[in-house]
Amino acid sequence: MNGKRLLAHVDSCQRDCYCDERSRFSVDQNNRNYFLTNNEKRKVCKIQVDGCFSQKNGMRCDYLFFAHDLQLAYLVELKGSDVLYGVKQIATFFDEIKNDLAGCHLHARIVSGRCNIPDIRSTDYRKLERRMMETGGSLRCKTKQDSDDIP
């Protein structure tokens, strides 16, 4: 079943990682906030990626939320202002875990101090957006705060 190798990281994680059925998950960093509402109280894993995954080049997003029974994942990057660097971090991490999440709907979220129009029109942004859409997911950049609801 997809995601089993990914879930093994939760047990070995040295950071903020857990799985439970709480109704609201949140992460924040430097006044950037992301909220995930879970009204159906499904089992969701919150993984702070740094400290849970080894990466050759050190580029990774900040958090991964994974609803195993729905085959649904959110890759979250909380950025100061460099949206394009956040795009690269998510894309690099996606390349590392894409086999573990084959068949999952993947959503990428960047919460930044600002989302400049040139950044979201860039080739790298559009490329990542296309890759997320191929999984049935999406890419979104929001200023200061973002949220999603698990179906």
N, C-alpha and C. Protein backbone atom coordinates (compact mmCIF):
# COMPACT_ATOMS: atom_id res chain seq x y z
N MET A 1 0.84 -1.19 0.00
CA MET A 1 0.00 0.00 0.00
C MET A 1 0.88 1.24 0.00
N ASN A 2 0.51 2.26 -0.73
CA ASN A 2 1.30 3.48 -0.84
C ASN A 2 1.45 4.17 0.51
N GLY A 3 2.62 4.69 0.74
CA GLY A 3 2.86 5.48 1.94
C GLY A 3 3.44 4.71 3.11
N LYS A 4 3.56 3.37 3.04
CA LYS A 4 4.06 2.62 4.19
C LYS A 4 5.49 3.01 4.54
N ARG A 5 6.34 3.12 3.53
CA ARG A 5 7.71 3.54 3.79
C ARG A 5 7.75 4.94 4.37
N LEU A 6 6.86 5.78 3.88
CA LEU A 6 6.77 7.15 4.37
C LEU A 6 6.38 7.17 5.84
N LEU A 7 5.42 6.34 6.22
CA LEU A 7 4.96 6.30 7.61
C LEU A 7 6.04 5.79 8.55
N ALA A 8 6.98 5.00 8.04
CA ALA A 8 8.08 4.51 8.88
C ALA A 8 8.92 5.68 9.39
N HIS A 9 8.94 6.78 8.65
CA HIS A 9 9.69 7.96 9.09
C HIS A 9 9.11 8.56 10.37
N VAL A 10 7.82 8.41 10.58
CA VAL A 10 7.19 8.98 11.77
C VAL A 10 7.79 8.34 13.02
N ASP A 11 7.98 7.03 12.99
CA ASP A 11 8.52 6.33 14.16
C ASP A 11 9.97 6.68 14.43
N SER A 12 10.74 6.94 13.39
CA SER A 12 12.16 7.21 13.57
C SER A 12 12.48 8.71 13.65
N CYS A 13 11.48 9.52 13.55
CA CYS A 13 11.66 10.97 13.48
C CYS A 13 12.18 11.54 14.80
N GLN A 14 13.08 12.49 14.69
CA GLN A 14 13.64 13.16 15.86
C GLN A 14 12.93 14.49 16.14
N ARG A 15 11.97 14.86 15.33
CA ARG A 15 11.35 16.18 15.41
C ARG A 15 9.86 16.09 15.69
N ASP A 16 9.13 17.08 15.22
CA ASP A 16 7.70 17.22 15.42
C ASP A 16 6.94 16.32 14.45
N CYS A 17 6.77 15.04 14.83
CA CYS A 17 6.12 14.07 13.96
C CYS A 17 5.15 13.23 14.78
N TYR A 18 3.94 13.09 14.30
CA TYR A 18 2.97 12.23 14.96
C TYR A 18 1.80 11.97 14.03
N CYS A 19 1.03 10.94 14.35
CA CYS A 19 -0.19 10.61 13.62
C CYS A 19 -1.33 10.56 14.64
N ASP A 20 -2.42 11.25 14.35
CA ASP A 20 -3.61 11.16 15.18
C ASP A 20 -4.83 11.69 14.45
N GLU A 21 -5.94 11.78 15.17
CA GLU A 21 -7.22 12.15 14.56
C GLU A 21 -7.72 13.51 15.02
N ARG A 22 -6.82 14.39 15.39
CA ARG A 22 -7.28 15.70 15.86
C ARG A 22 -8.03 16.46 14.77
N SER A 23 -8.84 17.40 15.17
CA SER A 23 -9.68 18.13 14.21
C SER A 23 -8.95 19.28 13.52
N ARG A 24 -7.81 19.70 14.06
CA ARG A 24 -7.08 20.81 13.44
C ARG A 24 -5.58 20.65 13.69
N PHE A 25 -4.84 20.72 12.63
CA PHE A 25 -3.38 20.70 12.68
C PHE A 25 -2.90 22.10 12.32
N SER A 26 -1.81 22.52 12.91
CA SER A 26 -1.26 23.83 12.55
C SER A 26 0.26 23.81 12.65
N VAL A 27 0.86 24.63 11.81
CA VAL A 27 2.30 24.86 11.87
C VAL A 27 2.52 26.35 11.68
N ASP A 28 3.55 26.87 12.33
CA ASP A 28 3.86 28.29 12.16
C ASP A 28 5.36 28.49 12.27
N GLN A 29 5.80 29.53 11.61
CA GLN A 29 7.21 29.89 11.60
C GLN A 29 7.31 31.34 11.15
N ASN A 30 7.90 32.17 11.97
CA ASN A 30 8.10 33.58 11.63
C ASN A 30 6.83 34.27 11.12
N ASN A 31 5.74 34.11 11.84
CA ASN A 31 4.45 34.71 11.49
C ASN A 31 3.87 34.20 10.18
N ARG A 32 4.29 33.03 9.74
CA ARG A 32 3.68 32.34 8.60
C ARG A 32 2.95 31.14 9.18
N ASN A 33 1.67 30.99 8.84
CA ASN A 33 0.84 29.94 9.45
C ASN A 33 0.16 29.10 8.39
N TYR A 34 0.07 27.79 8.68
CA TYR A 34 -0.69 26.87 7.84
C TYR A 34 -1.56 26.03 8.76
N PHE A 35 -2.84 25.90 8.38
CA PHE A 35 -3.81 25.13 9.16
C PHE A 35 -4.44 24.06 8.27
N LEU A 36 -4.62 22.88 8.84
CA LEU A 36 -5.28 21.79 8.14
C LEU A 36 -6.44 21.32 9.02
N THR A 37 -7.66 21.51 8.52
CA THR A 37 -8.85 21.14 9.27
C THR A 37 -9.26 19.72 8.91
N ASN A 38 -9.58 18.95 9.95
CA ASN A 38 -9.87 17.53 9.80
C ASN A 38 -11.20 17.21 10.50
N ASN A 39 -12.29 17.76 9.98
CA ASN A 39 -13.60 17.62 10.63
C ASN A 39 -14.08 16.18 10.74
N GLU A 40 -13.67 15.33 9.81
CA GLU A 40 -14.09 13.92 9.84
C GLU A 40 -13.21 13.09 10.78
N LYS A 41 -12.23 13.74 11.41
CA LYS A 41 -11.32 13.09 12.37
C LYS A 41 -10.65 11.85 11.77
N ARG A 42 -10.15 12.02 10.57
CA ARG A 42 -9.38 10.95 9.92
C ARG A 42 -7.97 10.93 10.52
N LYS A 43 -7.33 9.80 10.41
CA LYS A 43 -5.95 9.70 10.89
C LYS A 43 -5.04 10.45 9.91
N VAL A 44 -4.33 11.44 10.43
CA VAL A 44 -3.43 12.26 9.64
C VAL A 44 -2.07 12.25 10.32
N CYS A 45 -1.02 12.15 9.52
CA CYS A 45 0.34 12.24 10.05
C CYS A 45 0.90 13.61 9.72
N LYS A 46 1.45 14.25 10.73
CA LYS A 46 2.16 15.52 10.57
C LYS A 46 3.64 15.22 10.74
N ILE A 47 4.41 15.55 9.72
CA ILE A 47 5.84 15.24 9.74
C ILE A 47 6.64 16.51 9.49
N GLN A 48 7.49 16.87 10.45
CA GLN A 48 8.43 17.95 10.21
C GLN A 48 9.59 17.33 9.43
N VAL A 49 9.69 17.70 8.18
CA VAL A 49 10.57 17.01 7.24
C VAL A 49 12.03 17.08 7.67
N ASP A 50 12.51 18.23 8.10
CA ASP A 50 13.89 18.36 8.54
C ASP A 50 14.08 17.53 9.80
N GLY A 51 14.95 16.54 9.73
CA GLY A 51 15.17 15.66 10.87
C GLY A 51 14.51 14.31 10.70
N CYS A 52 13.63 14.17 9.70
CA CYS A 52 12.96 12.90 9.46
C CYS A 52 13.37 12.25 8.15
N PHE A 53 13.90 13.01 7.25
CA PHE A 53 14.30 12.50 5.94
C PHE A 53 15.74 12.89 5.68
N SER A 54 16.52 11.94 5.18
CA SER A 54 17.87 12.30 4.77
C SER A 54 17.80 12.78 3.34
N GLN A 55 18.50 13.85 3.07
CA GLN A 55 18.53 14.38 1.71
C GLN A 55 19.95 14.71 1.33
N LYS A 56 20.28 14.39 0.11
CA LYS A 56 21.65 14.58 -0.36
C LYS A 56 22.02 16.05 -0.46
N ASN A 57 21.11 16.87 -0.94
CA ASN A 57 21.48 18.28 -1.15
C ASN A 57 20.89 19.22 -0.10
N GLY A 58 20.15 18.69 0.86
CA GLY A 58 19.64 19.52 1.95
C GLY A 58 18.40 20.33 1.64
N MET A 59 17.92 20.30 0.39
CA MET A 59 16.72 21.06 0.05
C MET A 59 15.49 20.21 0.37
N ARG A 60 14.59 20.78 1.13
CA ARG A 60 13.37 20.07 1.50
C ARG A 60 12.34 21.08 1.96
N CYS A 61 11.08 20.69 1.89
CA CYS A 61 10.04 21.56 2.43
C CYS A 61 10.01 21.42 3.95
N ASP A 62 9.19 22.23 4.61
CA ASP A 62 9.16 22.23 6.07
C ASP A 62 8.33 21.09 6.65
N TYR A 63 7.13 20.88 6.08
CA TYR A 63 6.20 19.90 6.66
C TYR A 63 5.53 19.07 5.58
N LEU A 64 5.14 17.88 6.00
CA LEU A 64 4.34 16.98 5.18
C LEU A 64 3.18 16.51 6.03
N PHE A 65 1.97 16.68 5.53
CA PHE A 65 0.77 16.13 6.16
C PHE A 65 0.28 15.02 5.25
N PHE A 66 -0.03 13.86 5.85
CA PHE A 66 -0.39 12.70 5.04
C PHE A 66 -1.61 12.01 5.64
N ALA A 67 -2.70 11.95 4.84
CA ALA A 67 -3.91 11.21 5.23
C ALA A 67 -3.89 9.90 4.44
N HIS A 68 -3.40 8.85 5.08
CA HIS A 68 -3.14 7.58 4.41
C HIS A 68 -4.41 6.98 3.80
N ASP A 69 -5.51 6.97 4.54
CA ASP A 69 -6.72 6.32 4.03
C ASP A 69 -7.31 7.03 2.82
N LEU A 70 -7.01 8.31 2.66
CA LEU A 70 -7.49 9.07 1.49
C LEU A 70 -6.44 9.16 0.38
N GLN A 71 -5.22 8.68 0.68
CA GLN A 71 -4.11 8.83 -0.26
C GLN A 71 -3.97 10.30 -0.66
N LEU A 72 -3.83 11.14 0.36
CA LEU A 72 -3.80 12.59 0.21
C LEU A 72 -2.63 13.16 1.01
N ALA A 73 -1.84 14.03 0.39
CA ALA A 73 -0.70 14.61 1.09
C ALA A 73 -0.58 16.10 0.77
N TYR A 74 -0.09 16.85 1.76
CA TYR A 74 0.17 18.28 1.62
C TYR A 74 1.63 18.52 1.94
N LEU A 75 2.36 19.12 1.01
CA LEU A 75 3.75 19.51 1.20
C LEU A 75 3.73 21.01 1.50
N VAL A 76 4.21 21.40 2.66
CA VAL A 76 4.07 22.79 3.12
C VAL A 76 5.45 23.42 3.33
N GLU A 77 5.62 24.59 2.75
CA GLU A 77 6.84 25.39 2.93
C GLU A 77 6.44 26.76 3.47
N LEU A 78 7.01 27.13 4.62
CA LEU A 78 6.79 28.43 5.23
C LEU A 78 8.01 29.28 4.92
N LYS A 79 7.84 30.31 4.09
CA LYS A 79 8.95 31.11 3.57
C LYS A 79 8.89 32.55 4.04
N GLY A 80 10.05 33.18 4.06
CA GLY A 80 10.10 34.62 4.31
C GLY A 80 9.57 35.36 3.11
N SER A 81 10.34 35.38 2.02
CA SER A 81 9.86 36.07 0.81
C SER A 81 10.32 35.40 -0.48
N ASP A 82 11.25 34.47 -0.41
CA ASP A 82 11.80 33.86 -1.61
C ASP A 82 10.94 32.67 -2.06
N VAL A 83 9.86 32.98 -2.73
CA VAL A 83 8.91 31.96 -3.18
C VAL A 83 9.57 30.95 -4.11
N LEU A 84 10.42 31.42 -5.01
CA LEU A 84 11.05 30.51 -5.97
C LEU A 84 11.98 29.51 -5.28
N TYR A 85 12.63 29.91 -4.21
CA TYR A 85 13.45 28.95 -3.46
C TYR A 85 12.54 27.92 -2.79
N GLY A 86 11.38 28.36 -2.29
CA GLY A 86 10.40 27.44 -1.73
C GLY A 86 9.91 26.44 -2.76
N VAL A 87 9.70 26.90 -3.98
CA VAL A 87 9.29 26.01 -5.07
C VAL A 87 10.36 24.95 -5.29
N LYS A 88 11.62 25.35 -5.30
CA LYS A 88 12.72 24.40 -5.49
C LYS A 88 12.81 23.40 -4.34
N GLN A 89 12.57 23.87 -3.12
CA GLN A 89 12.60 22.97 -1.96
C GLN A 89 11.50 21.91 -2.08
N ILE A 90 10.31 22.32 -2.43
CA ILE A 90 9.21 21.37 -2.56
C ILE A 90 9.48 20.41 -3.72
N ALA A 91 9.93 20.93 -4.85
CA ALA A 91 10.19 20.08 -6.03
C ALA A 91 11.26 19.04 -5.72
N THR A 92 12.30 19.44 -5.03
CA THR A 92 13.38 18.51 -4.69
C THR A 92 12.88 17.43 -3.74
N PHE A 93 12.12 17.82 -2.73
CA PHE A 93 11.57 16.84 -1.79
C PHE A 93 10.57 15.91 -2.50
N PHE A 94 9.76 16.46 -3.38
CA PHE A 94 8.82 15.65 -4.15
C PHE A 94 9.57 14.58 -4.93
N ASP A 95 10.68 14.95 -5.55
CA ASP A 95 11.47 13.97 -6.30
C ASP A 95 11.94 12.82 -5.41
N GLU A 96 12.25 13.13 -4.15
CA GLU A 96 12.72 12.11 -3.22
C GLU A 96 11.61 11.15 -2.80
N ILE A 97 10.39 11.67 -2.61
CA ILE A 97 9.32 10.84 -2.04
C ILE A 97 8.26 10.39 -3.05
N LYS A 98 8.39 10.79 -4.31
CA LYS A 98 7.31 10.52 -5.26
C LYS A 98 7.00 9.03 -5.40
N ASN A 99 7.98 8.16 -5.29
CA ASN A 99 7.70 6.73 -5.38
C ASN A 99 6.94 6.24 -4.17
N ASP A 100 7.23 6.81 -2.99
CA ASP A 100 6.51 6.43 -1.77
C ASP A 100 5.06 6.90 -1.80
N LEU A 101 4.80 7.95 -2.57
CA LEU A 101 3.45 8.51 -2.62
C LEU A 101 2.78 8.31 -3.98
N ALA A 102 3.25 7.32 -4.73
CA ALA A 102 2.63 7.04 -6.03
C ALA A 102 1.15 6.74 -5.84
N GLY A 103 0.32 7.37 -6.63
CA GLY A 103 -1.12 7.19 -6.53
C GLY A 103 -1.80 8.15 -5.57
N CYS A 104 -1.03 8.95 -4.86
CA CYS A 104 -1.59 9.92 -3.92
C CYS A 104 -1.86 11.25 -4.62
N HIS A 105 -2.85 11.96 -4.11
CA HIS A 105 -3.12 13.33 -4.54
C HIS A 105 -2.21 14.23 -3.71
N LEU A 106 -1.33 14.97 -4.38
CA LEU A 106 -0.36 15.81 -3.69
C LEU A 106 -0.68 17.28 -3.90
N HIS A 107 -0.68 18.00 -2.80
CA HIS A 107 -0.90 19.44 -2.82
C HIS A 107 0.33 20.12 -2.24
N ALA A 108 0.82 21.14 -2.91
CA ALA A 108 1.96 21.92 -2.43
C ALA A 108 1.46 23.29 -1.99
N ARG A 109 1.90 23.71 -0.81
CA ARG A 109 1.49 25.00 -0.25
C ARG A 109 2.71 25.79 0.17
N ILE A 110 2.78 27.02 -0.31
CA ILE A 110 3.85 27.93 0.09
C ILE A 110 3.18 29.11 0.79
N VAL A 111 3.56 29.33 2.04
CA VAL A 111 3.06 30.47 2.80
C VAL A 111 4.25 31.41 2.96
N SER A 112 4.13 32.60 2.38
CA SER A 112 5.26 33.52 2.29
C SER A 112 4.88 34.91 2.80
N GLY A 113 5.89 35.72 2.99
CA GLY A 113 5.64 37.12 3.35
C GLY A 113 4.96 37.86 2.23
N ARG A 114 5.23 37.42 1.00
CA ARG A 114 4.56 37.98 -0.17
C ARG A 114 4.69 37.00 -1.32
N CYS A 115 3.70 36.97 -2.17
CA CYS A 115 3.69 36.12 -3.36
C CYS A 115 3.69 37.04 -4.58
N ASN A 116 4.86 37.30 -5.09
CA ASN A 116 5.00 38.20 -6.23
C ASN A 116 4.47 37.57 -7.51
N ILE A 117 3.82 38.36 -8.33
CA ILE A 117 3.30 37.89 -9.61
C ILE A 117 4.41 37.29 -10.48
N PRO A 118 5.58 37.91 -10.59
CA PRO A 118 6.62 37.29 -11.41
C PRO A 118 7.03 35.90 -10.90
N ASP A 119 6.98 35.70 -9.58
CA ASP A 119 7.34 34.40 -9.03
C ASP A 119 6.33 33.32 -9.43
N ILE A 120 5.05 33.64 -9.35
CA ILE A 120 4.05 32.62 -9.66
C ILE A 120 3.81 32.46 -11.17
N ARG A 121 4.43 33.31 -11.95
CA ARG A 121 4.41 33.14 -13.40
C ARG A 121 5.68 32.49 -13.93
N SER A 122 6.62 32.21 -13.04
CA SER A 122 7.91 31.67 -13.45
C SER A 122 7.78 30.24 -13.97
N THR A 123 8.77 29.82 -14.73
CA THR A 123 8.80 28.48 -15.29
C THR A 123 8.84 27.42 -14.19
N ASP A 124 9.66 27.64 -13.16
CA ASP A 124 9.76 26.66 -12.07
C ASP A 124 8.44 26.51 -11.32
N TYR A 125 7.76 27.60 -11.08
CA TYR A 125 6.47 27.55 -10.39
C TYR A 125 5.45 26.78 -11.24
N ARG A 126 5.37 27.11 -12.51
CA ARG A 126 4.42 26.45 -13.42
C ARG A 126 4.73 24.97 -13.57
N LYS A 127 6.00 24.64 -13.59
CA LYS A 127 6.41 23.23 -13.71
C LYS A 127 5.95 22.43 -12.49
N LEU A 128 6.18 22.98 -11.30
CA LEU A 128 5.73 22.31 -10.08
C LEU A 128 4.21 22.23 -10.04
N GLU A 129 3.55 23.29 -10.46
CA GLU A 129 2.09 23.29 -10.50
C GLU A 129 1.57 22.16 -11.40
N ARG A 130 2.20 21.99 -12.54
CA ARG A 130 1.82 20.92 -13.48
C ARG A 130 2.04 19.54 -12.85
N ARG A 131 3.17 19.39 -12.15
CA ARG A 131 3.46 18.11 -11.52
C ARG A 131 2.44 17.77 -10.43
N MET A 132 2.02 18.76 -9.67
CA MET A 132 1.00 18.53 -8.64
C MET A 132 -0.34 18.18 -9.29
N MET A 133 -0.67 18.88 -10.36
CA MET A 133 -1.94 18.61 -11.05
C MET A 133 -1.96 17.20 -11.64
N GLU A 134 -0.82 16.69 -12.06
CA GLU A 134 -0.74 15.32 -12.59
C GLU A 134 -1.08 14.29 -11.53
N THR A 135 -0.93 14.64 -10.25
CA THR A 135 -1.28 13.71 -9.17
C THR A 135 -2.73 13.91 -8.71
N GLY A 136 -3.41 14.90 -9.29
CA GLY A 136 -4.75 15.23 -8.85
C GLY A 136 -4.76 16.32 -7.78
N GLY A 137 -3.61 16.93 -7.55
CA GLY A 137 -3.48 17.95 -6.53
C GLY A 137 -3.31 19.34 -7.12
N SER A 138 -2.71 20.24 -6.32
CA SER A 138 -2.56 21.62 -6.75
C SER A 138 -1.37 22.27 -6.05
N LEU A 139 -0.99 23.43 -6.55
CA LEU A 139 0.04 24.27 -5.95
C LEU A 139 -0.60 25.62 -5.66
N ARG A 140 -0.29 26.15 -4.47
CA ARG A 140 -0.84 27.45 -4.11
C ARG A 140 0.17 28.22 -3.27
N CYS A 141 0.26 29.51 -3.54
CA CYS A 141 1.09 30.42 -2.74
C CYS A 141 0.16 31.44 -2.09
N LYS A 142 0.27 31.59 -0.78
CA LYS A 142 -0.55 32.56 -0.04
C LYS A 142 0.36 33.42 0.83
N THR A 143 -0.14 34.58 1.14
CA THR A 143 0.60 35.51 1.97
C THR A 143 0.22 35.33 3.44
N LYS A 144 1.22 35.07 4.26
CA LYS A 144 1.14 34.98 5.73
C LYS A 144 0.35 33.80 6.29
N GLN A 145 -0.75 33.39 5.65
CA GLN A 145 -1.55 32.30 6.21
C GLN A 145 -2.28 31.55 5.10
N ASP A 146 -2.42 30.24 5.31
CA ASP A 146 -3.15 29.40 4.36
C ASP A 146 -3.81 28.28 5.14
N SER A 147 -4.83 27.68 4.56
CA SER A 147 -5.51 26.57 5.22
C SER A 147 -6.17 25.67 4.18
N ASP A 148 -6.37 24.43 4.57
CA ASP A 148 -7.07 23.44 3.76
C ASP A 148 -7.98 22.63 4.66
N ASP A 149 -8.99 22.02 4.05
CA ASP A 149 -9.89 21.09 4.75
C ASP A 149 -9.70 19.72 4.14
N ILE A 150 -9.52 18.72 5.00
CA ILE A 150 -9.45 17.35 4.52
C ILE A 150 -10.88 16.90 4.24
N PRO A 151 -11.11 16.34 3.05
CA PRO A 151 -12.49 15.93 2.70
C PRO A 151 -13.01 14.81 3.60
